[in-house]
C-alpha atoms as a PDB file:
ATOM      1  CA  MET A   1      47.518  -4.123 -36.902  1.00  0.00           C
ATOM      2  CA  THR A   2      46.333  -4.386 -40.971  1.00  0.00           C
ATOM      3  CA  LEU A   3      46.390  -8.028 -40.978  1.00  0.00           C
ATOM      4  CA  PHE A   4      44.400  -8.718 -37.658  1.00  0.00           C
ATOM      5  CA  GLN A   5      41.794  -6.106 -39.402  1.00  0.00           C
ATOM      6  CA  LEU A   6      41.870  -8.117 -42.324  1.00  0.00           C
ATOM      7  CA  GLY A   7      40.966 -11.534 -40.191  1.00  0.00           C
ATOM      8  CA  ILE A   8      38.550 -10.090 -38.239  1.00  0.00           C
ATOM      9  CA  THR A   9      36.672  -9.003 -41.523  1.00  0.00           C
ATOM     10  CA  CYS A  10      37.088 -12.211 -43.211  1.00  0.00           C
ATOM     11  CA  VAL A  11      35.396 -13.767 -39.654  1.00  0.00           C
ATOM     12  CA  LEU A  12      32.495 -11.435 -40.302  1.00  0.00           C
ATOM     13  CA  LEU A  13      32.490 -12.565 -43.796  1.00  0.00           C
ATOM     14  CA  ASP A  14      32.584 -16.050 -42.976  1.00  0.00           C
ATOM     15  CA  ASP A  15      35.432 -16.573 -44.828  1.00  0.00           C
ATOM     16  CA  SER A  16      37.415 -18.495 -41.957  1.00  0.00           C
ATOM     17  CA  SER A  17      40.236 -19.926 -44.254  1.00  0.00           C
ATOM     18  CA  ALA A  18      41.259 -16.148 -45.088  1.00  0.00           C
ATOM     19  CA  ALA A  19      40.896 -14.964 -41.346  1.00  0.00           C
ATOM     20  CA  HIS A  20      43.340 -17.688 -40.434  1.00  0.00           C
ATOM     21  CA  ALA A  21      46.091 -16.960 -43.247  1.00  0.00           C
ATOM     22  CA  ALA A  22      45.827 -13.096 -42.369  1.00  0.00           C
ATOM     23  CA  CYS A  23      45.751 -13.486 -38.196  1.00  0.00           C
ATOM     24  CA  ASN A  24      48.689 -16.217 -38.579  1.00  0.00           C
ATOM     25  CA  GLU A  25      50.559 -13.929 -40.606  1.00  0.00           C
ATOM     26  CA  ALA A  26      50.026 -11.470 -38.446  1.00  0.00           C
ATOM     27  CA  ILE A  27      51.252 -13.502 -35.357  1.00  0.00           C
ATOM     28  CA  GLU A  28      54.258 -14.668 -37.268  1.00  0.00           C
ATOM     29  CA  LEU A  29      55.487 -11.048 -37.923  1.00  0.00           C
ATOM     30  CA  SER A  30      54.451  -9.785 -34.735  1.00  0.00           C
ATOM     31  CA  ARG A  31      56.433 -12.761 -33.159  1.00  0.00           C
ATOM     32  CA  ALA A  32      59.431 -12.007 -35.286  1.00  0.00           C
ATOM     33  CA  CYS A  33      59.991  -8.496 -33.893  1.00  0.00           C
ATOM     34  CA  GLY A  34      58.979  -9.046 -30.377  1.00  0.00           C
ATOM     35  CA  GLU A  35      55.592  -7.389 -30.559  1.00  0.00           C
ATOM     36  CA  GLY A  36      52.405  -8.370 -28.703  1.00  0.00           C
ATOM     37  CA  TRP A  37      49.499  -5.775 -28.901  1.00  0.00           C
ATOM     38  CA  ALA A  38      48.838  -6.543 -32.726  1.00  0.00           C
ATOM     39  CA  GLN A  39      49.624 -10.417 -32.114  1.00  0.00           C
ATOM     40  CA  SER A  40      46.800 -10.545 -29.042  1.00  0.00           C
ATOM     41  CA  TYR A  41      44.027  -9.258 -31.473  1.00  0.00           C
ATOM     42  CA  ALA A  42      45.209 -11.712 -34.252  1.00  0.00           C
ATOM     43  CA  LEU A  43      44.806 -14.325 -31.256  1.00  0.00           C
ATOM     44  CA  TRP A  44      41.408 -13.052 -29.993  1.00  0.00           C
ATOM     45  CA  THR A  45      40.281 -12.895 -33.751  1.00  0.00           C
ATOM     46  CA  LEU A  46      41.281 -16.590 -34.076  1.00  0.00           C
ATOM     47  CA  GLY A  47      39.438 -17.581 -30.539  1.00  0.00           C
ATOM     48  CA  HIS A  48      36.261 -15.595 -32.191  1.00  0.00           C
ATOM     49  CA  ASP A  49      36.323 -17.610 -35.079  1.00  0.00           C
ATOM     50  CA  ALA A  50      36.826 -20.583 -33.250  1.00  0.00           C
ATOM     51  CA  TRP A  51      34.151 -20.064 -31.123  1.00  0.00           C
ATOM     52  CA  VAL A  52      31.609 -19.127 -33.788  1.00  0.00           C
ATOM     53  CA  ARG A  53      32.647 -22.374 -35.785  1.00  0.00           C
ATOM     54  CA  SER A  54      31.409 -24.491 -32.327  1.00  0.00           C
ATOM     55  CA  ASP A  55      34.891 -25.217 -31.087  1.00  0.00           C
ATOM     56  CA  PRO A  56      34.855 -23.643 -27.437  1.00  0.00           C
ATOM     57  CA  HIS A  57      38.680 -25.436 -26.539  1.00  0.00           C
ATOM     58  CA  ALA A  58      40.215 -23.509 -29.399  1.00  0.00           C
ATOM     59  CA  ALA A  59      38.311 -20.495 -28.708  1.00  0.00           C
ATOM     60  CA  GLU A  60      39.124 -20.890 -24.809  1.00  0.00           C
ATOM     61  CA  ASP A  61      43.021 -22.000 -25.397  1.00  0.00           C
ATOM     62  CA  LEU A  62      43.385 -19.143 -28.187  1.00  0.00           C
ATOM     63  CA  ALA A  63      41.428 -16.723 -25.819  1.00  0.00           C
ATOM     64  CA  ARG A  64      43.528 -17.082 -22.817  1.00  0.00           C
ATOM     65  CA  GLN A  65      46.808 -16.488 -25.074  1.00  0.00           C
ATOM     66  CA  SER A  66      45.449 -13.421 -26.283  1.00  0.00           C
ATOM     67  CA  LEU A  67      44.650 -12.123 -22.543  1.00  0.00           C
ATOM     68  CA  ARG A  68      47.800 -12.977 -21.183  1.00  0.00           C
ATOM     69  CA  LEU A  69      49.646 -10.704 -23.739  1.00  0.00           C
ATOM     70  CA  LYS A  70      46.835  -7.710 -23.124  1.00  0.00           C
ATOM     71  CA  TYR A  71      47.484  -7.531 -19.480  1.00  0.00           C
ATOM     72  CA  ASP A  72      50.883  -6.538 -20.463  1.00  0.00           C
ATOM     73  CA  PHE A  73      49.475  -3.437 -22.011  1.00  0.00           C
ATOM     74  CA  ASP A  74      46.407  -2.913 -19.804  1.00  0.00           C
ATOM     75  CA  ASP A  75      44.767  -3.157 -22.693  1.00  0.00           C
ATOM     76  CA  GLU A  76      40.959  -2.843 -21.137  1.00  0.00           C
ATOM     77  CA  LEU A  77      39.351  -2.724 -24.547  1.00  0.00           C
ATOM     78  CA  GLY A  78      40.833  -5.996 -25.746  1.00  0.00           C
ATOM     79  CA  ILE A  79      40.566  -7.607 -22.244  1.00  0.00           C
ATOM     80  CA  ALA A  80      37.083  -6.659 -22.833  1.00  0.00           C
ATOM     81  CA  LEU A  81      36.402  -8.412 -26.301  1.00  0.00           C
ATOM     82  CA  VAL A  82      38.236 -11.435 -24.788  1.00  0.00           C
ATOM     83  CA  LEU A  83      36.374 -11.648 -21.650  1.00  0.00           C
ATOM     84  CA  GLY A  84      33.313 -12.426 -24.204  1.00  0.00           C
ATOM     85  CA  VAL A  85      34.792 -14.730 -26.198  1.00  0.00           C
ATOM     86  CA  LEU A  86      35.734 -16.864 -22.783  1.00  0.00           C
ATOM     87  CA  ALA A  87      32.426 -16.460 -21.877  1.00  0.00           C
ATOM     88  CA  GLY A  88      30.722 -17.623 -24.922  1.00  0.00           C
ATOM     89  CA  ALA A  89      33.222 -20.768 -24.671  1.00  0.00           C
ATOM     90  CA  ALA A  90      32.366 -21.580 -21.229  1.00  0.00           C
ATOM     91  CA  ALA A  91      28.396 -21.273 -22.201  1.00  0.00           C
ATOM     92  CA  ASP A  92      29.144 -23.652 -24.765  1.00  0.00           C
ATOM     93  CA  THR A  93      30.442 -26.174 -22.544  1.00  0.00           C
ATOM     94  CA  GLY A  94      28.088 -26.132 -19.679  1.00  0.00           C
ATOM     95  CA  LYS A  95      29.931 -24.085 -17.563  1.00  0.00           C
ATOM     96  CA  PHE A  96      26.962 -21.600 -17.014  1.00  0.00           C
ATOM     97  CA  GLU A  97      28.106 -19.782 -13.516  1.00  0.00           C
ATOM     98  CA  ARG A  98      31.815 -19.061 -14.967  1.00  0.00           C
ATOM     99  CA  ALA A  99      29.995 -17.964 -18.033  1.00  0.00           C
ATOM    100  CA  ALA A 100      28.070 -15.588 -16.230  1.00  0.00           C
ATOM    101  CA  CYS A 101      30.874 -14.050 -14.277  1.00  0.00           C
ATOM    102  CA  LEU A 102      33.112 -13.515 -17.052  1.00  0.00           C
ATOM    103  CA  ILE A 103      29.954 -11.536 -19.039  1.00  0.00           C
ATOM    104  CA  GLY A 104      29.652  -9.430 -15.514  1.00  0.00           C
ATOM    105  CA  ILE A 105      33.401  -8.920 -15.989  1.00  0.00           C
ATOM    106  CA  ALA A 106      33.258  -7.991 -19.375  1.00  0.00           C
ATOM    107  CA  GLU A 107      29.979  -5.582 -18.878  1.00  0.00           C
ATOM    108  CA  ARG A 108      32.101  -3.750 -15.955  1.00  0.00           C
ATOM    109  CA  THR A 109      34.638  -3.070 -18.245  1.00  0.00           C
ATOM    110  CA  TRP A 110      32.434  -1.750 -20.891  1.00  0.00           C
ATOM    111  CA  ARG A 111      30.809   0.683 -18.556  1.00  0.00           C
ATOM    112  CA  ALA A 112      34.230   1.698 -17.178  1.00  0.00           C
ATOM    113  CA  LEU A 113      35.216   2.644 -20.623  1.00  0.00           C
ATOM    114  CA  GLY A 114      31.933   4.413 -21.727  1.00  0.00           C
ATOM    115  CA  THR A 115      30.809   1.981 -24.265  1.00  0.00           C
END
């Protein structure tokens, strides 16, 4: 979990290489012990980084991987975060209706969570 948190901090500080190093280590450790929750956040972080770096196809792929894991945990907060990345990637590839639907679902999820 700490590695994913380091990764998102590095993304926010515009240090993509450090973010990838931290998140890839988190994913490797998680897979080695069969853990999925922290792995899903590391994948979301990598997806978010790909999106802000204008690689919507990689962002979508990573976000989908994250989302598959998040459903196993019913991680509504994490699902809302991933939907934001998916919406951004959809918009960046000209899929505006899909982006609007994803934003709507994310907004509904945020409201249900009280945030």
